């Protein structure tokens, strides 16, 4: 199941970060970063 593209595409690690409160300006600050993710 983890090998399926719609699940984890072969990945062996998953994670979740829940941030309260959180809004679109916070999301935009994160998305504006230029460093690539692994």
ModelCIF file with pLDDT and N, C-alpha, C, O atoms, coordinates in Angstrom:
data_MODEL
#
_entry.id   MODEL 
#
_entity.id                         1 
_entity.type                       polymer 
_entity.pdbx_number_of_molecules   1 
#
_entity_poly.entity_id                      1 
_entity_poly.type                           'polypeptide(L)' 
_entity_poly.nstd_linkage                   no 
_entity_poly.nstd_monomer                   no 
_entity_poly.pdbx_seq_one_letter_code       
;(UNK)(UNK)(UNK)(UNK)(UNK)(UNK)(UNK)(UNK)(UNK)(UNK)(UNK)(UNK)(UNK)(UNK)(UNK)(UNK)
(UNK)(UNK)(UNK)(UNK)(UNK)(UNK)(UNK)(UNK)(UNK)(UNK)(UNK)(UNK)(UNK)(UNK)(UNK)(UNK)
(UNK)(UNK)(UNK)(UNK)(UNK)(UNK)
;
_entity_poly.pdbx_seq_one_letter_code_can   XXXXXXXXXXXXXXXXXXXXXXXXXXXXXXXXXXXXXX 
_entity_poly.pdbx_strand_id                 A 
#
loop_
_entity_poly_seq.entity_id 
_entity_poly_seq.num 
_entity_poly_seq.mon_id 
_entity_poly_seq.hetero 
1 1  UNK n 
1 2  UNK n 
1 3  UNK n 
1 4  UNK n 
1 5  UNK n 
1 6  UNK n 
1 7  UNK n 
1 8  UNK n 
1 9  UNK n 
1 10 UNK n 
1 11 UNK n 
1 12 UNK n 
1 13 UNK n 
1 14 UNK n 
1 15 UNK n 
1 16 UNK n 
1 17 UNK n 
1 18 UNK n 
1 19 UNK n 
1 20 UNK n 
1 21 UNK n 
1 22 UNK n 
1 23 UNK n 
1 24 UNK n 
1 25 UNK n 
1 26 UNK n 
1 27 UNK n 
1 28 UNK n 
1 29 UNK n 
1 30 UNK n 
1 31 UNK n 
1 32 UNK n 
1 33 UNK n 
1 34 UNK n 
1 35 UNK n 
1 36 UNK n 
1 37 UNK n 
1 38 UNK n 
#
_struct_asym.id          A 
_struct_asym.entity_id   1 
#
loop_
_ma_qa_metric.id 
_ma_qa_metric.mode 
_ma_qa_metric.name 
_ma_qa_metric.software_group_id 
_ma_qa_metric.type 
1 global pLDDT . pLDDT 
2 local  pLDDT . pLDDT 
#
_ma_qa_metric_global.metric_id      1 
_ma_qa_metric_global.metric_value   87.71 
_ma_qa_metric_global.model_id       1 
_ma_qa_metric_global.ordinal_id     1 
#
loop_
_ma_qa_metric_local.label_asym_id 
_ma_qa_metric_local.label_comp_id 
_ma_qa_metric_local.label_seq_id 
_ma_qa_metric_local.metric_id 
_ma_qa_metric_local.metric_value 
_ma_qa_metric_local.model_id 
_ma_qa_metric_local.ordinal_id 
A UNK 1  2 90.00 1 1  
A UNK 2  2 90.00 1 2  
A UNK 3  2 88.00 1 3  
A UNK 4  2 89.00 1 4  
A UNK 5  2 85.00 1 5  
A UNK 6  2 82.00 1 6  
A UNK 7  2 85.00 1 7  
A UNK 8  2 84.00 1 8  
A UNK 9  2 85.00 1 9  
A UNK 10 2 85.00 1 10 
A UNK 11 2 87.00 1 11 
A UNK 12 2 91.00 1 12 
A UNK 13 2 94.00 1 13 
A UNK 14 2 95.00 1 14 
A UNK 15 2 96.00 1 15 
A UNK 16 2 96.00 1 16 
A UNK 17 2 96.00 1 17 
A UNK 18 2 96.00 1 18 
A UNK 19 2 96.00 1 19 
A UNK 20 2 96.00 1 20 
A UNK 21 2 95.00 1 21 
A UNK 22 2 92.00 1 22 
A UNK 23 2 91.00 1 23 
A UNK 24 2 91.00 1 24 
A UNK 25 2 91.00 1 25 
A UNK 26 2 89.00 1 26 
A UNK 27 2 89.00 1 27 
A UNK 28 2 89.00 1 28 
A UNK 29 2 86.00 1 29 
A UNK 30 2 84.00 1 30 
A UNK 31 2 83.00 1 31 
A UNK 32 2 80.00 1 32 
A UNK 33 2 71.00 1 33 
A UNK 34 2 59.00 1 34 
A UNK 35 2 75.00 1 35 
A UNK 36 2 84.00 1 36 
A UNK 37 2 89.00 1 37 
A UNK 38 2 89.00 1 38 
#
loop_
_atom_site.group_PDB 
_atom_site.id 
_atom_site.type_symbol 
_atom_site.label_atom_id 
_atom_site.label_alt_id 
_atom_site.label_comp_id 
_atom_site.label_asym_id 
_atom_site.label_entity_id 
_atom_site.label_seq_id 
_atom_site.pdbx_PDB_ins_code 
_atom_site.Cartn_x 
_atom_site.Cartn_y 
_atom_site.Cartn_z 
_atom_site.occupancy 
_atom_site.B_iso_or_equiv 
_atom_site.pdbx_formal_charge 
_atom_site.auth_seq_id 
_atom_site.auth_comp_id 
_atom_site.auth_asym_id 
_atom_site.auth_atom_id 
_atom_site.pdbx_PDB_model_num 
ATOM 1   N N  . UNK A 1 1  ? 0.826  -1.210 0.000  1.00 90.00 ? 1  UNK A N  1 
ATOM 2   C CA . UNK A 1 1  ? 0.000  0.000  0.000  1.00 90.00 ? 1  UNK A CA 1 
ATOM 3   C C  . UNK A 1 1  ? 0.860  1.260  0.000  1.00 90.00 ? 1  UNK A C  1 
ATOM 4   O O  . UNK A 1 1  ? 0.533  2.232  -0.681 1.00 90.00 ? 1  UNK A O  1 
ATOM 5   N N  . UNK A 1 2  ? 1.961  1.251  0.761  1.00 90.00 ? 2  UNK A N  1 
ATOM 6   C CA . UNK A 1 2  ? 2.853  2.403  0.784  1.00 90.00 ? 2  UNK A CA 1 
ATOM 7   C C  . UNK A 1 2  ? 3.521  2.618  -0.571 1.00 90.00 ? 2  UNK A C  1 
ATOM 8   O O  . UNK A 1 2  ? 3.940  3.730  -0.893 1.00 90.00 ? 2  UNK A O  1 
ATOM 9   N N  . UNK A 1 3  ? 3.616  1.569  -1.349 1.00 88.00 ? 3  UNK A N  1 
ATOM 10  C CA . UNK A 1 3  ? 4.225  1.680  -2.664 1.00 88.00 ? 3  UNK A CA 1 
ATOM 11  C C  . UNK A 1 3  ? 3.347  2.364  -3.689 1.00 88.00 ? 3  UNK A C  1 
ATOM 12  O O  . UNK A 1 3  ? 3.843  2.778  -4.737 1.00 88.00 ? 3  UNK A O  1 
ATOM 13  N N  . UNK A 1 4  ? 2.060  2.497  -3.424 1.00 89.00 ? 4  UNK A N  1 
ATOM 14  C CA . UNK A 1 4  ? 1.151  3.120  -4.381 1.00 89.00 ? 4  UNK A CA 1 
ATOM 15  C C  . UNK A 1 4  ? 1.406  4.625  -4.473 1.00 89.00 ? 4  UNK A C  1 
ATOM 16  O O  . UNK A 1 4  ? 1.719  5.279  -3.478 1.00 89.00 ? 4  UNK A O  1 
ATOM 17  N N  . UNK A 1 5  ? 1.265  5.152  -5.673 1.00 85.00 ? 5  UNK A N  1 
ATOM 18  C CA . UNK A 1 5  ? 1.514  6.583  -5.900 1.00 85.00 ? 5  UNK A CA 1 
ATOM 19  C C  . UNK A 1 5  ? 0.595  7.464  -5.080 1.00 85.00 ? 5  UNK A C  1 
ATOM 20  O O  . UNK A 1 5  ? 1.007  8.523  -4.607 1.00 85.00 ? 5  UNK A O  1 
ATOM 21  N N  . UNK A 1 6  ? -0.650 7.036  -4.906 1.00 82.00 ? 6  UNK A N  1 
ATOM 22  C CA . UNK A 1 6  ? -1.620 7.849  -4.178 1.00 82.00 ? 6  UNK A CA 1 
ATOM 23  C C  . UNK A 1 6  ? -1.471 7.736  -2.661 1.00 82.00 ? 6  UNK A C  1 
ATOM 24  O O  . UNK A 1 6  ? -2.145 8.451  -1.920 1.00 82.00 ? 6  UNK A O  1 
ATOM 25  N N  . UNK A 1 7  ? -0.602 6.850  -2.198 1.00 85.00 ? 7  UNK A N  1 
ATOM 26  C CA . UNK A 1 7  ? -0.411 6.682  -0.746 1.00 85.00 ? 7  UNK A CA 1 
ATOM 27  C C  . UNK A 1 7  ? 0.918  7.290  -0.318 1.00 85.00 ? 7  UNK A C  1 
ATOM 28  O O  . UNK A 1 7  ? 0.934  8.373  0.267  1.00 85.00 ? 7  UNK A O  1 
ATOM 29  N N  . UNK A 1 8  ? 2.032  6.619  -0.595 1.00 84.00 ? 8  UNK A N  1 
ATOM 30  C CA . UNK A 1 8  ? 3.334  7.154  -0.196 1.00 84.00 ? 8  UNK A CA 1 
ATOM 31  C C  . UNK A 1 8  ? 4.375  7.054  -1.293 1.00 84.00 ? 8  UNK A C  1 
ATOM 32  O O  . UNK A 1 8  ? 5.508  7.501  -1.109 1.00 84.00 ? 8  UNK A O  1 
ATOM 33  N N  . UNK A 1 9  ? 4.015  6.475  -2.439 1.00 85.00 ? 9  UNK A N  1 
ATOM 34  C CA . UNK A 1 9  ? 4.917  6.362  -3.592 1.00 85.00 ? 9  UNK A CA 1 
ATOM 35  C C  . UNK A 1 9  ? 6.237  5.699  -3.200 1.00 85.00 ? 9  UNK A C  1 
ATOM 36  O O  . UNK A 1 9  ? 7.312  6.098  -3.651 1.00 85.00 ? 9  UNK A O  1 
ATOM 37  N N  . UNK A 1 10 ? 6.127  4.676  -2.348 1.00 85.00 ? 10 UNK A N  1 
ATOM 38  C CA . UNK A 1 10 ? 7.313  3.944  -1.932 1.00 85.00 ? 10 UNK A CA 1 
ATOM 39  C C  . UNK A 1 10 ? 8.025  4.514  -0.727 1.00 85.00 ? 10 UNK A C  1 
ATOM 40  O O  . UNK A 1 10 ? 9.031  3.956  -0.288 1.00 85.00 ? 10 UNK A O  1 
ATOM 41  N N  . UNK A 1 11 ? 7.532  5.610  -0.184 1.00 87.00 ? 11 UNK A N  1 
ATOM 42  C CA . UNK A 1 11 ? 8.160  6.216  0.986  1.00 87.00 ? 11 UNK A CA 1 
ATOM 43  C C  . UNK A 1 11 ? 7.997  5.349  2.225  1.00 87.00 ? 11 UNK A C  1 
ATOM 44  O O  . UNK A 1 11 ? 7.050  4.570  2.331  1.00 87.00 ? 11 UNK A O  1 
ATOM 45  N N  . UNK A 1 12 ? 8.932  5.492  3.162  1.00 91.00 ? 12 UNK A N  1 
ATOM 46  C CA . UNK A 1 12 ? 8.887  4.696  4.388  1.00 91.00 ? 12 UNK A CA 1 
ATOM 47  C C  . UNK A 1 12 ? 8.606  5.547  5.612  1.00 91.00 ? 12 UNK A C  1 
ATOM 48  O O  . UNK A 1 12 ? 8.593  5.027  6.728  1.00 91.00 ? 12 UNK A O  1 
ATOM 49  N N  . UNK A 1 13 ? 8.379  6.846  5.432  1.00 94.00 ? 13 UNK A N  1 
ATOM 50  C CA . UNK A 1 13 ? 8.125  7.728  6.567  1.00 94.00 ? 13 UNK A CA 1 
ATOM 51  C C  . UNK A 1 13 ? 7.055  8.745  6.197  1.00 94.00 ? 13 UNK A C  1 
ATOM 52  O O  . UNK A 1 13 ? 7.081  9.319  5.108  1.00 94.00 ? 13 UNK A O  1 
ATOM 53  N N  . UNK A 1 14 ? 6.119  8.964  7.105  1.00 95.00 ? 14 UNK A N  1 
ATOM 54  C CA . UNK A 1 14 ? 5.092  9.983  6.919  1.00 95.00 ? 14 UNK A CA 1 
ATOM 55  C C  . UNK A 1 14 ? 5.038  10.847 8.165  1.00 95.00 ? 14 UNK A C  1 
ATOM 56  O O  . UNK A 1 14 ? 5.419  10.406 9.249  1.00 95.00 ? 14 UNK A O  1 
ATOM 57  N N  . UNK A 1 15 ? 4.567  12.070 8.015  1.00 96.00 ? 15 UNK A N  1 
ATOM 58  C CA . UNK A 1 15 ? 4.490  12.960 9.166  1.00 96.00 ? 15 UNK A CA 1 
ATOM 59  C C  . UNK A 1 15 ? 3.379  13.974 9.013  1.00 96.00 ? 15 UNK A C  1 
ATOM 60  O O  . UNK A 1 15 ? 2.916  14.258 7.909  1.00 96.00 ? 15 UNK A O  1 
ATOM 61  N N  . UNK A 1 16 ? 2.961  14.516 10.148 1.00 96.00 ? 16 UNK A N  1 
ATOM 62  C CA . UNK A 1 16 ? 1.920  15.539 10.173 1.00 96.00 ? 16 UNK A CA 1 
ATOM 63  C C  . UNK A 1 16 ? 2.298  16.599 11.195 1.00 96.00 ? 16 UNK A C  1 
ATOM 64  O O  . UNK A 1 16 ? 2.750  16.283 12.295 1.00 96.00 ? 16 UNK A O  1 
ATOM 65  N N  . UNK A 1 17 ? 2.110  17.850 10.822 1.00 96.00 ? 17 UNK A N  1 
ATOM 66  C CA . UNK A 1 17 ? 2.262  18.964 11.757 1.00 96.00 ? 17 UNK A CA 1 
ATOM 67  C C  . UNK A 1 17 ? 0.951  19.739 11.773 1.00 96.00 ? 17 UNK A C  1 
ATOM 68  O O  . UNK A 1 17 ? 0.502  20.237 10.741 1.00 96.00 ? 17 UNK A O  1 
ATOM 69  N N  . UNK A 1 18 ? 0.348  19.836 12.935 1.00 96.00 ? 18 UNK A N  1 
ATOM 70  C CA . UNK A 1 18 ? -0.914 20.555 13.119 1.00 96.00 ? 18 UNK A CA 1 
ATOM 71  C C  . UNK A 1 18 ? -0.615 21.838 13.880 1.00 96.00 ? 18 UNK A C  1 
ATOM 72  O O  . UNK A 1 18 ? -0.071 21.797 14.984 1.00 96.00 ? 18 UNK A O  1 
ATOM 73  N N  . UNK A 1 19 ? -0.971 22.981 13.291 1.00 96.00 ? 19 UNK A N  1 
ATOM 74  C CA . UNK A 1 19 ? -0.630 24.286 13.849 1.00 96.00 ? 19 UNK A CA 1 
ATOM 75  C C  . UNK A 1 19 ? -1.910 25.072 14.095 1.00 96.00 ? 19 UNK A C  1 
ATOM 76  O O  . UNK A 1 19 ? -2.678 25.336 13.169 1.00 96.00 ? 19 UNK A O  1 
ATOM 77  N N  . UNK A 1 20 ? -2.131 25.443 15.355 1.00 96.00 ? 20 UNK A N  1 
ATOM 78  C CA . UNK A 1 20 ? -3.324 26.215 15.723 1.00 96.00 ? 20 UNK A CA 1 
ATOM 79  C C  . UNK A 1 20 ? -2.884 27.418 16.569 1.00 96.00 ? 20 UNK A C  1 
ATOM 80  O O  . UNK A 1 20 ? -2.207 27.229 17.580 1.00 96.00 ? 20 UNK A O  1 
ATOM 81  N N  . UNK A 1 21 ? -3.251 28.654 16.184 1.00 95.00 ? 21 UNK A N  1 
ATOM 82  C CA . UNK A 1 21 ? -4.016 28.998 14.985 1.00 95.00 ? 21 UNK A CA 1 
ATOM 83  C C  . UNK A 1 21 ? -3.115 28.957 13.744 1.00 95.00 ? 21 UNK A C  1 
ATOM 84  O O  . UNK A 1 21 ? -1.889 29.021 13.836 1.00 95.00 ? 21 UNK A O  1 
ATOM 85  N N  . UNK A 1 22 ? -3.757 28.850 12.608 1.00 92.00 ? 22 UNK A N  1 
ATOM 86  C CA . UNK A 1 22 ? -3.030 28.848 11.345 1.00 92.00 ? 22 UNK A CA 1 
ATOM 87  C C  . UNK A 1 22 ? -3.899 29.459 10.260 1.00 92.00 ? 22 UNK A C  1 
ATOM 88  O O  . UNK A 1 22 ? -5.108 29.228 10.227 1.00 92.00 ? 22 UNK A O  1 
ATOM 89  N N  . UNK A 1 23 ? -3.292 30.237 9.371  1.00 91.00 ? 23 UNK A N  1 
ATOM 90  C CA . UNK A 1 23 ? -4.056 30.923 8.333  1.00 91.00 ? 23 UNK A CA 1 
ATOM 91  C C  . UNK A 1 23 ? -3.240 30.990 7.045  1.00 91.00 ? 23 UNK A C  1 
ATOM 92  O O  . UNK A 1 23 ? -2.110 30.505 6.985  1.00 91.00 ? 23 UNK A O  1 
ATOM 93  N N  . UNK A 1 24 ? -3.824 31.594 6.025  1.00 91.00 ? 24 UNK A N  1 
ATOM 94  C CA . UNK A 1 24 ? -3.172 31.679 4.716  1.00 91.00 ? 24 UNK A CA 1 
ATOM 95  C C  . UNK A 1 24 ? -1.863 32.472 4.753  1.00 91.00 ? 24 UNK A C  1 
ATOM 96  O O  . UNK A 1 24 ? -0.908 32.060 4.095  1.00 91.00 ? 24 UNK A O  1 
ATOM 97  N N  . UNK A 1 25 ? -1.765 33.597 5.494  1.00 91.00 ? 25 UNK A N  1 
ATOM 98  C CA . UNK A 1 25 ? -0.472 34.283 5.566  1.00 91.00 ? 25 UNK A CA 1 
ATOM 99  C C  . UNK A 1 25 ? 0.645  33.382 6.094  1.00 91.00 ? 25 UNK A C  1 
ATOM 100 O O  . UNK A 1 25 ? 1.775  33.461 5.612  1.00 91.00 ? 25 UNK A O  1 
ATOM 101 N N  . UNK A 1 26 ? 0.350  32.530 7.074  1.00 89.00 ? 26 UNK A N  1 
ATOM 102 C CA . UNK A 1 26 ? 1.348  31.588 7.565  1.00 89.00 ? 26 UNK A CA 1 
ATOM 103 C C  . UNK A 1 26 ? 1.752  30.616 6.458  1.00 89.00 ? 26 UNK A C  1 
ATOM 104 O O  . UNK A 1 26 ? 2.934  30.324 6.281  1.00 89.00 ? 26 UNK A O  1 
ATOM 105 N N  . UNK A 1 27 ? 0.767  30.122 5.720  1.00 89.00 ? 27 UNK A N  1 
ATOM 106 C CA . UNK A 1 27 ? 1.048  29.184 4.642  1.00 89.00 ? 27 UNK A CA 1 
ATOM 107 C C  . UNK A 1 27 ? 1.928  29.834 3.577  1.00 89.00 ? 27 UNK A C  1 
ATOM 108 O O  . UNK A 1 27 ? 2.855  29.211 3.059  1.00 89.00 ? 27 UNK A O  1 
ATOM 109 N N  . UNK A 1 28 ? 1.632  31.079 3.260  1.00 89.00 ? 28 UNK A N  1 
ATOM 110 C CA . UNK A 1 28 ? 2.409  31.762 2.235  1.00 89.00 ? 28 UNK A CA 1 
ATOM 111 C C  . UNK A 1 28 ? 3.847  31.973 2.673  1.00 89.00 ? 28 UNK A C  1 
ATOM 112 O O  . UNK A 1 28 ? 4.758  31.866 1.852  1.00 89.00 ? 28 UNK A O  1 
ATOM 113 N N  . UNK A 1 29 ? 4.074  32.271 3.954  1.00 86.00 ? 29 UNK A N  1 
ATOM 114 C CA . UNK A 1 29 ? 5.449  32.442 4.441  1.00 86.00 ? 29 UNK A CA 1 
ATOM 115 C C  . UNK A 1 29 ? 6.245  31.153 4.263  1.00 86.00 ? 29 UNK A C  1 
ATOM 116 O O  . UNK A 1 29 ? 7.428  31.191 3.925  1.00 86.00 ? 29 UNK A O  1 
ATOM 117 N N  . UNK A 1 30 ? 5.603  30.028 4.487  1.00 84.00 ? 30 UNK A N  1 
ATOM 118 C CA . UNK A 1 30 ? 6.276  28.741 4.325  1.00 84.00 ? 30 UNK A CA 1 
ATOM 119 C C  . UNK A 1 30 ? 6.533  28.449 2.851  1.00 84.00 ? 30 UNK A C  1 
ATOM 120 O O  . UNK A 1 30 ? 7.612  27.985 2.483  1.00 84.00 ? 30 UNK A O  1 
ATOM 121 N N  . UNK A 1 31 ? 5.553  28.718 2.023  1.00 83.00 ? 31 UNK A N  1 
ATOM 122 C CA . UNK A 1 31 ? 5.688  28.412 0.600  1.00 83.00 ? 31 UNK A CA 1 
ATOM 123 C C  . UNK A 1 31 ? 6.692  29.318 -0.109 1.00 83.00 ? 31 UNK A C  1 
ATOM 124 O O  . UNK A 1 31 ? 7.242  28.941 -1.143 1.00 83.00 ? 31 UNK A O  1 
ATOM 125 N N  . UNK A 1 32 ? 6.933  30.507 0.437  1.00 80.00 ? 32 UNK A N  1 
ATOM 126 C CA . UNK A 1 32 ? 7.858  31.436 -0.206 1.00 80.00 ? 32 UNK A CA 1 
ATOM 127 C C  . UNK A 1 32 ? 9.312  31.013 -0.053 1.00 80.00 ? 32 UNK A C  1 
ATOM 128 O O  . UNK A 1 32 ? 10.175 31.509 -0.779 1.00 80.00 ? 32 UNK A O  1 
ATOM 129 N N  . UNK A 1 33 ? 9.599  30.116 0.868  1.00 71.00 ? 33 UNK A N  1 
ATOM 130 C CA . UNK A 1 33 ? 10.980 29.664 1.067  1.00 71.00 ? 33 UNK A CA 1 
ATOM 131 C C  . UNK A 1 33 ? 11.483 28.965 -0.199 1.00 71.00 ? 33 UNK A C  1 
ATOM 132 O O  . UNK A 1 33 ? 10.740 28.227 -0.847 1.00 71.00 ? 33 UNK A O  1 
ATOM 133 N N  . UNK A 1 34 ? 12.734 29.202 -0.537 1.00 59.00 ? 34 UNK A N  1 
ATOM 134 C CA . UNK A 1 34 ? 13.279 28.672 -1.783 1.00 59.00 ? 34 UNK A CA 1 
ATOM 135 C C  . UNK A 1 34 ? 14.029 27.356 -1.601 1.00 59.00 ? 34 UNK A C  1 
ATOM 136 O O  . UNK A 1 34 ? 14.298 26.669 -2.586 1.00 59.00 ? 34 UNK A O  1 
ATOM 137 N N  . UNK A 1 35 ? 14.377 26.985 -0.354 1.00 75.00 ? 35 UNK A N  1 
ATOM 138 C CA . UNK A 1 35 ? 15.146 25.758 -0.166 1.00 75.00 ? 35 UNK A CA 1 
ATOM 139 C C  . UNK A 1 35 ? 14.308 24.541 -0.549 1.00 75.00 ? 35 UNK A C  1 
ATOM 140 O O  . UNK A 1 35 ? 13.144 24.448 -0.159 1.00 75.00 ? 35 UNK A O  1 
ATOM 141 N N  . UNK A 1 36 ? 14.883 23.607 -1.308 1.00 84.00 ? 36 UNK A N  1 
ATOM 142 C CA . UNK A 1 36 ? 14.120 22.413 -1.700 1.00 84.00 ? 36 UNK A CA 1 
ATOM 143 C C  . UNK A 1 36 ? 13.971 21.446 -0.529 1.00 84.00 ? 36 UNK A C  1 
ATOM 144 O O  . UNK A 1 36 ? 14.847 21.354 0.331  1.00 84.00 ? 36 UNK A O  1 
ATOM 145 N N  . UNK A 1 37 ? 12.860 20.734 -0.508 1.00 89.00 ? 37 UNK A N  1 
ATOM 146 C CA . UNK A 1 37 ? 12.652 19.708 0.502  1.00 89.00 ? 37 UNK A CA 1 
ATOM 147 C C  . UNK A 1 37 ? 13.227 18.387 0.012  1.00 89.00 ? 37 UNK A C  1 
ATOM 148 O O  . UNK A 1 37 ? 13.327 18.144 -1.190 1.00 89.00 ? 37 UNK A O  1 
ATOM 149 N N  . UNK A 1 38 ? 13.605 17.533 0.973  1.00 89.00 ? 38 UNK A N  1 
ATOM 150 C CA . UNK A 1 38 ? 14.154 16.217 0.630  1.00 89.00 ? 38 UNK A CA 1 
ATOM 151 C C  . UNK A 1 38 ? 13.058 15.243 0.210  1.00 89.00 ? 38 UNK A C  1 
ATOM 152 O O  . UNK A 1 38 ? 13.346 14.090 -0.112 1.00 89.00 ? 38 UNK A O  1 
#
